[in-house]
Every structure is written in C-alpha cells, then in structure tokens.
Amino acid sequence: MKENYKILAINPGSTSTKVAYFENLDCISSKTLCHSAEELEKYRSIMDQYTFRKQAILEYLREQNINYKYLDAVVGRGGLLKPLKGGTYHINQNMLDDLKSAKYGQHASNLGAILAYEVAILTNIPAFIVNPVVVDEFHPLARFSGIPDITRKSAFHALNQKAIAMKVTRELGKSYNEVNLIIAHIGGGISVAAHYKGNVIDVNNGLEEGPFSPERSGNLPVLQLVDMCFSGQYTKEEIKKKLVGKGGLVAYLGTSDGKKIDERIDMGDEQAKLVLEAMAYQIAKEIASCSAVLYGKVDSIVITGGMARSPWIIKWITERVKFIAPVKVFPGEDEMAAMAEGAYRVLIGKENPLNYE
C-alpha cells in the first residue's frame, strides 16, 4: 500500500466549481473557481458547461503545479441519480448516461461525476462519487405519507451527515455499524436523520419536510396550504418559492443570515429571538421523533451545518434534547474533505467501492 495518495475533489455549483487537492486526508490546496454570468450564458444547459469547467480545473492544476499524471483518484460531488445505498461509487457509463440525460433531474451537482471522470481518464485512474443527496436507506415504515398517491422520499445532506457520523463513531471508539445516532444538519435546508447501525432509516426531506429553515417552510398545516394554493392570489411558481427560497427565517425576519440574526438578538431584538427559538424548537421536536424511530436507544445526538455556529440555536436545542443522549456539535460542513475521505477509504482498502447499476 502506498504511503501518500493524491486525490483531487471537484464540487460544481450553479456559478462556481470548488476544487481541492489532498494528499491522504490533508488538504494541500483548494480554490473556488467562480464563473461569471457572461461565461455561463453561452451554454444552453448545465451539461453543455462541462468542457468549459474542465478547462478551468486543468488551469487550476497548472497554477498550483499539480501534475494530474500523479493523481491516484478523482472524486466528484454526486448528483441527482436513482435512490442509492450510502457509500463510495465508481463512476461508470450507467451513471454518466443518467446524469447527462438528467433522468432524475437537472442540477449543477450532476456535473460532479462527469468532471471527475473527464479528468480521471486523462491518466487512467479511478473516479468516484461519495454519498449523493439521493442516498436511500429507509425502513419500509418510513415511506408511508398518509396518502397512497404520495410516497415519502429520502433526500438529505447525506455527504456531510455520513462523514460526521464516522467522525463521531471514531470518537466513541466504535464502528459506524455499531451505533445509533441522531444527526441534525442545519444549513440553508435542515435534515434530521435517524442513523441505525450504519443506515439512515428515516430522515425528513430537506426540501419539503421537517422544521422550517433559513429559506424553507418545512412542514405546514396542509388544509391552510390547500386554501392558499386555490385562493387565486398566487401562481404555482409563487407558491413553490414561498415553500423553498422565501420561506422560514427569511420570510419572518427578512434575512437567512444566521450571524446577522444572532447579532440582532444580542442587541435585544425580541422578534428575532422568538423566530430563531421557534426554529430550534422545531428541530428539537424532529430530533425527539427520531429517538422514537430508534426505540430510545441513542448513543449520541449531533448538530452540524453552518447554522450550528449559532450559540443561541445550540443552547435552545440542547436544553430540550439532552435528556435523550449526549449532544455533540460540529459547526460547518466540509464537503471537499468528506469526498476525499470517501475516496481515500477505497484507496487504502478500508471500504469496497460500489457499482451504479
């Protein structure tokens, strides 16, 4: 086994491409390659951008004096694919075909696997994705919504949740497959997941369920929502925007910036305090519901994501759920490190790569 594995991680967003170079698990270099509206408007679709973005990545490697010929693996952000079990996947032709055709939806993250593959084939090394948002390990009971026409779907911050779960289990001196965890990722969206011995057996869909978040409405009184939809006051797109993009904190307080809200609370803004505590209250309720999923057998509750930097949120959630299990906090999220770690586990033989069928 080699002593030093060289890994390139690629994470495309709507207007940028994040790249990072790792040696084993140490990040040696990273950069966010910003793409202007003028550059992107030349392309009819996200898929049409891959050559342009590939050239930007290769230019980054040249600038940093990183020879792609010496890389051991390239790992990309997983996009919208069919539901998958968690893990690290080889990028194969089946995966590329589904992403290029947008079979399961159009999103900038779909470029992650394509870009990783395009760089990897330059020197015939493996290319991977790690724990995409479509990871689905639901218990059959978790799929029921209450209406046969609607099935609950697993969609959550799988990359960060799984990476944090492994970090916590290492601290506990156990393996991921031995413990039960409840992990709350609190960012622009919120996902609270029940991890049962290595599988996420239930989690709120971060786009349309669970607590309200900085920009999303979360669960709503459904009959009132139906009335709103048929009131004639709003178009379908306006309703969707109220639910995702203009819901949650931004609807109540005019901002989704957690740092600014904390500052308002510190200066005595009682309305900001009430709204933020209401969000923490809903998160705590979701955590408690996950404890029922796990029969109350919980080794640790973990709070992570960008909003976990708020001392107010951590205080309010912890006060309500600490009776269930010890609470650990890991502020922020490091998607690049999580991707590199997934590839590294495969390279050192600690984990077997999965195939996308």
Protein backbone atom coordinates (compact mmCIF):
# COMPACT_ATOMS: atom_id res chain seq x y z
CA MET A 1 0.00 0.00 0.00
CA LYS A 2 1.25 3.48 -0.85
CA GLU A 3 2.11 5.92 1.90
CA ASN A 4 0.83 9.02 0.14
CA TYR A 5 -2.31 9.04 -2.01
CA LYS A 6 -3.03 12.10 -4.14
CA ILE A 7 -6.73 12.91 -4.56
CA LEU A 8 -8.50 15.67 -6.46
CA ALA A 9 -12.01 16.64 -5.30
CA ILE A 10 -14.47 18.54 -7.52
CA ASN A 11 -17.73 20.16 -6.36
CA PRO A 12 -19.65 22.12 -9.01
CA GLY A 13 -22.23 24.71 -8.02
CA SER A 14 -24.53 26.88 -10.11
CA THR A 15 -21.98 29.69 -10.55
CA SER A 16 -18.73 28.14 -9.31
CA THR A 17 -16.65 24.99 -9.20
CA LYS A 18 -14.85 24.16 -5.96
CA VAL A 19 -11.64 22.15 -6.35
CA ALA A 20 -9.28 20.79 -3.71
CA TYR A 21 -6.11 18.73 -3.82
CA PHE A 22 -5.47 16.26 -1.00
CA GLU A 23 -2.54 14.13 -0.02
CA ASN A 24 -4.14 11.36 2.00
CA LEU A 25 -6.59 13.36 4.15
CA ASP A 26 -4.56 16.59 4.25
CA CYS A 27 -5.87 19.40 2.07
CA ILE A 28 -2.82 20.89 0.35
CA SER A 29 -4.60 23.34 -1.92
CA SER A 30 -8.17 24.46 -2.58
CA LYS A 31 -9.90 27.13 -4.63
CA THR A 32 -13.38 28.22 -5.64
CA LEU A 33 -13.38 28.82 -9.40
CA CYS A 34 -16.05 31.48 -9.96
CA HIS A 35 -17.93 31.56 -13.27
CA SER A 36 -19.50 34.83 -14.36
CA ALA A 37 -23.00 35.10 -15.77
CA GLU A 38 -21.45 36.18 -19.08
CA GLU A 39 -19.38 32.99 -19.23
CA LEU A 40 -22.27 30.70 -18.38
CA GLU A 41 -24.93 32.31 -20.56
CA LYS A 42 -23.13 30.96 -23.64
CA TYR A 43 -24.35 27.48 -22.75
CA ARG A 44 -27.90 26.26 -23.26
CA SER A 45 -27.82 23.76 -20.38
CA ILE A 46 -25.75 22.79 -17.37
CA MET A 47 -24.42 19.76 -19.24
CA ASP A 48 -23.08 21.98 -22.01
CA GLN A 49 -20.77 23.64 -19.45
CA TYR A 50 -18.62 20.59 -18.72
CA THR A 51 -15.81 21.31 -21.24
CA PHE A 52 -15.55 24.92 -20.05
CA ARG A 53 -15.44 23.83 -16.41
CA LYS A 54 -12.95 21.04 -17.16
CA GLN A 55 -10.56 23.60 -18.68
CA ALA A 56 -10.91 25.78 -15.58
CA ILE A 57 -9.99 22.78 -13.39
CA LEU A 58 -6.95 21.91 -15.51
CA GLU A 59 -5.86 25.57 -15.35
CA TYR A 60 -6.12 25.42 -11.55
CA LEU A 61 -3.87 22.34 -11.53
CA ARG A 62 -1.30 24.12 -13.71
CA GLU A 63 -1.37 27.20 -11.46
CA GLN A 64 -0.75 25.05 -8.39
CA ASN A 65 1.94 22.95 -10.10
CA ILE A 66 -0.13 19.82 -9.55
CA ASN A 67 0.58 17.23 -12.25
CA TYR A 68 -2.63 15.29 -12.90
CA LYS A 69 -0.49 12.37 -14.11
CA TYR A 70 0.48 11.71 -10.49
CA LEU A 71 -3.05 11.72 -9.08
CA ASP A 72 -4.34 8.44 -7.63
CA ALA A 73 -8.06 9.25 -7.84
CA VAL A 74 -10.55 11.98 -8.67
CA VAL A 75 -13.78 12.34 -6.70
CA GLY A 76 -16.79 14.42 -7.74
CA ARG A 77 -19.92 15.62 -5.96
CA GLY A 78 -22.75 13.16 -6.55
CA GLY A 79 -25.72 14.49 -8.49
CA LEU A 80 -29.36 13.54 -8.98
CA LEU A 81 -29.37 9.78 -9.54
CA LYS A 82 -31.69 6.91 -8.69
CA PRO A 83 -32.02 6.13 -4.95
CA LEU A 84 -28.80 4.54 -3.68
CA LYS A 85 -27.37 2.92 -0.60
CA GLY A 86 -24.76 5.10 1.08
CA GLY A 87 -21.11 4.65 0.16
CA THR A 88 -18.43 5.43 -2.42
CA TYR A 89 -19.34 4.62 -6.01
CA HIS A 90 -17.22 4.03 -9.10
CA ILE A 91 -18.25 6.45 -11.82
CA ASN A 92 -19.30 4.23 -14.70
CA GLN A 93 -21.09 4.65 -18.00
CA ASN A 94 -24.53 3.92 -16.50
CA MET A 95 -24.06 6.80 -14.06
CA LEU A 96 -22.76 9.16 -16.73
CA ASP A 97 -25.70 8.36 -19.01
CA ASP A 98 -28.26 9.09 -16.27
CA LEU A 99 -26.58 12.37 -15.33
CA LYS A 100 -26.15 13.60 -18.90
CA SER A 101 -29.78 12.86 -19.73
CA ALA A 102 -30.95 14.44 -16.44
CA LYS A 103 -33.11 11.33 -16.00
CA TYR A 104 -33.66 12.11 -12.31
CA GLY A 105 -33.48 15.89 -12.51
CA GLN A 106 -31.30 18.79 -13.62
CA HIS A 107 -28.80 20.23 -11.12
CA ALA A 108 -25.28 21.67 -11.19
CA SER A 109 -24.08 18.80 -8.99
CA ASN A 110 -24.79 16.46 -11.93
CA LEU A 111 -21.55 17.79 -13.42
CA GLY A 112 -19.53 16.48 -10.46
CA ALA A 113 -19.22 12.89 -11.66
CA ILE A 114 -18.78 13.94 -15.29
CA LEU A 115 -15.93 16.34 -14.49
CA ALA A 116 -14.26 13.82 -12.18
CA TYR A 117 -14.44 11.17 -14.88
CA GLU A 118 -13.13 13.54 -17.59
CA VAL A 119 -10.04 14.36 -15.50
CA ALA A 120 -9.51 10.76 -14.37
CA ILE A 121 -9.46 9.30 -17.90
CA LEU A 122 -6.57 11.59 -18.82
CA THR A 123 -4.32 9.26 -16.87
CA ASN A 124 -6.50 6.15 -16.43
CA ILE A 125 -7.13 6.43 -12.67
CA PRO A 126 -10.36 5.68 -10.78
CA ALA A 127 -13.12 8.27 -10.43
CA PHE A 128 -15.69 8.22 -7.61
CA ILE A 129 -18.68 9.94 -6.08
CA VAL A 130 -19.47 9.72 -2.36
CA ASN A 131 -22.87 9.72 -0.64
CA PRO A 132 -25.00 11.81 -3.03
CA VAL A 133 -28.20 13.52 -1.84
CA VAL A 134 -30.25 10.56 -3.16
CA VAL A 135 -28.90 8.10 -0.57
CA ASP A 136 -31.92 6.00 0.42
CA GLU A 137 -31.71 3.50 3.29
CA PHE A 138 -35.28 3.96 4.55
CA HIS A 139 -37.05 1.44 6.70
CA PRO A 140 -40.26 0.43 4.86
CA LEU A 141 -42.38 2.15 7.53
CA ALA A 142 -40.70 5.47 6.77
CA ARG A 143 -42.05 5.58 3.22
CA PHE A 144 -45.71 5.99 4.22
CA SER A 145 -47.06 9.54 3.93
CA GLY A 146 -50.73 9.03 4.76
CA ILE A 147 -51.88 9.20 1.13
CA PRO A 148 -51.13 6.25 -1.22
CA ASP A 149 -50.52 8.67 -4.10
CA ILE A 150 -47.59 10.25 -2.21
CA THR A 151 -44.56 8.27 -1.06
CA ARG A 152 -42.00 9.84 1.27
CA LYS A 153 -38.59 10.08 -0.39
CA SER A 154 -35.13 10.16 1.12
CA ALA A 155 -33.36 13.41 0.18
CA PHE A 156 -30.94 14.93 2.67
CA HIS A 157 -27.41 16.18 3.36
CA ALA A 158 -26.03 12.66 3.03
CA LEU A 159 -22.41 13.62 2.30
CA ASN A 160 -21.94 15.69 5.46
CA GLN A 161 -24.22 13.50 7.62
CA LYS A 162 -22.31 10.31 6.80
CA ALA A 163 -18.89 11.99 7.21
CA ILE A 164 -19.87 13.41 10.63
CA ALA A 165 -21.33 10.06 11.67
CA MET A 166 -17.99 8.36 11.03
CA LYS A 167 -16.12 11.09 12.89
CA VAL A 168 -18.39 10.70 15.92
CA THR A 169 -18.13 6.92 15.97
CA ARG A 170 -14.33 7.16 15.89
CA GLU A 171 -14.54 9.41 18.97
CA LEU A 172 -16.78 6.83 20.62
CA GLY A 173 -14.23 4.11 19.84
CA LYS A 174 -16.76 2.13 17.82
CA SER A 175 -17.62 1.50 14.18
CA TYR A 176 -20.48 3.22 12.36
CA ASN A 177 -22.28 -0.11 12.10
CA GLU A 178 -22.37 -0.47 15.90
CA VAL A 179 -24.07 2.77 16.96
CA ASN A 180 -27.34 4.68 16.78
CA LEU A 181 -27.09 8.41 16.13
CA ILE A 182 -29.43 11.31 15.52
CA ILE A 183 -27.77 13.92 13.32
CA ALA A 184 -29.27 17.35 12.63
CA HIS A 185 -27.73 19.20 9.69
CA ILE A 186 -28.72 22.86 9.97
CA GLY A 187 -27.93 24.94 6.90
CA GLY A 188 -29.98 26.66 4.20
CA GLY A 189 -32.03 23.49 4.48
CA ILE A 190 -32.38 21.23 7.51
CA SER A 191 -32.28 17.45 7.65
CA VAL A 192 -32.62 15.46 10.88
CA ALA A 193 -31.76 11.79 10.45
CA ALA A 194 -32.00 8.58 12.45
CA HIS A 195 -28.80 6.58 11.84
CA TYR A 196 -29.34 2.96 12.84
CA LYS A 197 -26.19 0.83 12.77
CA GLY A 198 -24.78 2.37 9.59
CA ASN A 199 -28.03 3.16 7.78
CA VAL A 200 -30.19 6.30 7.69
CA ILE A 201 -33.53 4.59 8.24
CA ASP A 202 -35.57 7.80 8.42
CA VAL A 203 -34.95 11.48 7.68
CA ASN A 204 -37.08 14.47 6.77
CA ASN A 205 -36.79 15.51 3.13
CA GLY A 206 -34.68 18.66 3.40
CA LEU A 207 -36.65 20.44 0.68
CA GLU A 208 -40.22 19.87 1.78
CA GLU A 209 -40.50 18.36 5.26
CA GLY A 210 -39.39 18.85 8.82
CA PRO A 211 -38.51 22.08 10.68
CA PHE A 212 -38.61 25.41 8.91
CA SER A 213 -35.10 26.50 7.94
CA PRO A 214 -33.35 29.74 6.94
CA GLU A 215 -35.03 29.66 3.49
CA ARG A 216 -37.61 26.83 3.55
CA SER A 217 -41.03 26.49 5.13
CA GLY A 218 -40.79 22.87 6.29
CA ASN A 219 -44.00 21.17 7.45
CA LEU A 220 -47.15 23.27 7.09
CA PRO A 221 -50.83 22.98 8.11
CA VAL A 222 -51.95 21.25 4.92
CA LEU A 223 -55.55 22.49 4.70
CA GLN A 224 -54.41 26.10 5.04
CA LEU A 225 -51.82 25.43 2.33
CA VAL A 226 -54.53 24.00 0.05
CA ASP A 227 -56.64 27.12 0.62
CA MET A 228 -53.66 29.31 -0.26
CA CYS A 229 -52.96 27.31 -3.44
CA PHE A 230 -56.57 27.74 -4.65
CA SER A 231 -57.07 31.32 -3.45
CA GLY A 232 -56.21 32.77 -6.86
CA GLN A 233 -53.70 35.11 -5.23
CA TYR A 234 -50.61 33.12 -6.19
CA THR A 235 -49.26 31.24 -9.19
CA LYS A 236 -47.88 27.73 -8.82
CA GLU A 237 -44.33 29.09 -9.05
CA GLU A 238 -45.03 31.75 -6.42
CA ILE A 239 -46.30 29.10 -4.02
CA LYS A 240 -43.21 26.96 -4.64
CA LYS A 241 -40.99 29.97 -3.96
CA LYS A 242 -42.81 30.58 -0.67
CA LEU A 243 -42.01 26.99 0.31
CA VAL A 244 -38.40 26.86 -0.91
CA GLY A 245 -36.38 30.04 -1.21
CA LYS A 246 -38.60 32.60 0.54
CA GLY A 247 -39.87 30.57 3.49
CA GLY A 248 -38.53 30.10 7.00
CA LEU A 249 -36.31 32.74 8.61
CA VAL A 250 -36.17 34.92 5.50
CA ALA A 251 -40.00 35.13 5.47
CA TYR A 252 -40.23 36.09 9.14
CA LEU A 253 -37.11 38.24 9.51
CA GLY A 254 -36.12 39.34 6.00
CA THR A 255 -32.78 37.55 6.16
CA SER A 256 -31.43 34.00 6.23
CA ASP A 257 -28.04 35.08 7.59
CA GLY A 258 -27.65 33.34 10.95
CA LYS A 259 -24.80 35.60 12.05
CA LYS A 260 -26.90 38.73 11.48
CA ILE A 261 -29.85 37.22 13.33
CA ASP A 262 -27.62 36.34 16.29
CA GLU A 263 -26.38 39.95 16.33
CA ARG A 264 -29.97 41.22 16.32
CA ILE A 265 -30.80 39.00 19.29
CA ASP A 266 -27.70 40.19 21.16
CA MET A 267 -28.89 43.77 20.61
CA GLY A 268 -32.28 42.99 22.14
CA ASP A 269 -34.43 42.19 19.09
CA GLU A 270 -37.19 40.12 20.72
CA GLN A 271 -38.89 39.17 17.44
CA ALA A 272 -35.62 37.77 16.02
CA LYS A 273 -35.14 35.81 19.25
CA LEU A 274 -38.68 34.40 19.14
CA VAL A 275 -38.41 33.28 15.49
CA LEU A 276 -34.97 31.70 15.86
CA GLU A 277 -36.07 29.90 19.03
CA ALA A 278 -39.13 28.63 17.15
CA MET A 279 -36.83 27.09 14.54
CA ALA A 280 -34.71 25.49 17.29
CA TYR A 281 -37.93 24.25 18.94
CA GLN A 282 -39.00 22.52 15.71
CA ILE A 283 -35.54 20.99 15.26
CA ALA A 284 -35.69 19.64 18.81
CA LYS A 285 -39.13 18.11 18.09
CA GLU A 286 -37.71 16.42 14.97
CA ILE A 287 -34.78 15.05 16.98
CA ALA A 288 -37.17 13.67 19.59
CA SER A 289 -39.24 11.97 16.86
CA CYS A 290 -36.06 10.28 15.59
CA SER A 291 -35.45 8.95 19.08
CA ALA A 292 -38.79 7.13 18.83
CA VAL A 293 -37.67 5.65 15.49
CA LEU A 294 -34.62 4.28 17.33
CA TYR A 295 -36.68 2.98 20.30
CA GLY A 296 -34.91 5.50 22.53
CA LYS A 297 -31.57 3.74 22.06
CA VAL A 298 -29.40 6.66 21.02
CA ASP A 299 -25.62 6.81 21.52
CA SER A 300 -25.27 10.48 20.60
CA ILE A 301 -27.14 13.46 19.15
CA VAL A 302 -25.05 15.50 16.72
CA ILE A 303 -25.66 19.05 15.46
CA THR A 304 -23.77 20.16 12.36
CA GLY A 305 -24.03 22.56 9.39
CA GLY A 306 -23.46 26.28 9.00
CA MET A 307 -26.19 27.36 11.43
CA ALA A 308 -24.61 25.19 14.14
CA ARG A 309 -22.27 28.14 14.69
CA SER A 310 -25.12 29.98 16.43
CA PRO A 311 -24.72 29.71 20.22
CA TRP A 312 -28.44 30.52 20.61
CA ILE A 313 -29.55 27.60 18.42
CA ILE A 314 -27.18 25.16 20.14
CA LYS A 315 -28.36 26.30 23.58
CA TRP A 316 -32.08 26.00 22.78
CA ILE A 317 -31.82 22.61 21.07
CA THR A 318 -29.52 21.12 23.70
CA GLU A 319 -31.80 22.19 26.56
CA ARG A 320 -34.68 20.24 25.02
CA VAL A 321 -32.95 17.04 23.84
CA LYS A 322 -30.05 16.38 26.23
CA PHE A 323 -32.27 14.00 28.21
CA ILE A 324 -32.24 11.65 25.19
CA ALA A 325 -28.46 11.32 24.71
CA PRO A 326 -25.23 13.36 24.92
CA VAL A 327 -25.13 16.23 22.41
CA LYS A 328 -22.09 16.86 20.21
CA VAL A 329 -21.63 19.90 17.96
CA PHE A 330 -19.61 20.06 14.73
CA PRO A 331 -20.22 23.52 13.19
CA GLY A 332 -20.00 23.95 9.43
CA GLU A 333 -19.61 21.34 6.76
CA ASP A 334 -16.54 20.31 4.77
CA GLU A 335 -17.87 18.64 1.66
CA MET A 336 -14.48 18.54 -0.04
CA ALA A 337 -12.87 16.70 2.86
CA ALA A 338 -15.85 14.33 3.06
CA MET A 339 -15.48 13.45 -0.62
CA ALA A 340 -11.72 12.98 -0.33
CA GLU A 341 -12.19 10.78 2.73
CA GLY A 342 -14.62 8.54 0.84
CA ALA A 343 -12.12 8.05 -1.99
CA TYR A 344 -9.28 7.53 0.48
CA ARG A 345 -11.13 4.76 2.30
CA VAL A 346 -11.39 2.90 -1.01
CA LEU A 347 -7.77 3.52 -1.99
CA ILE A 348 -6.44 2.09 1.29
CA GLY A 349 -8.78 -0.90 1.12
CA LYS A 350 -10.88 0.09 4.12
CA GLU A 351 -14.07 0.23 2.04
CA ASN A 352 -15.15 -1.53 -1.14
CA PRO A 353 -16.39 0.72 -3.93
CA LEU A 354 -19.96 0.21 -5.11
CA ASN A 355 -21.20 -0.03 -8.69
CA TYR A 356 -24.05 2.01 -10.11
CA GLU A 357 -26.30 -0.50 -11.86
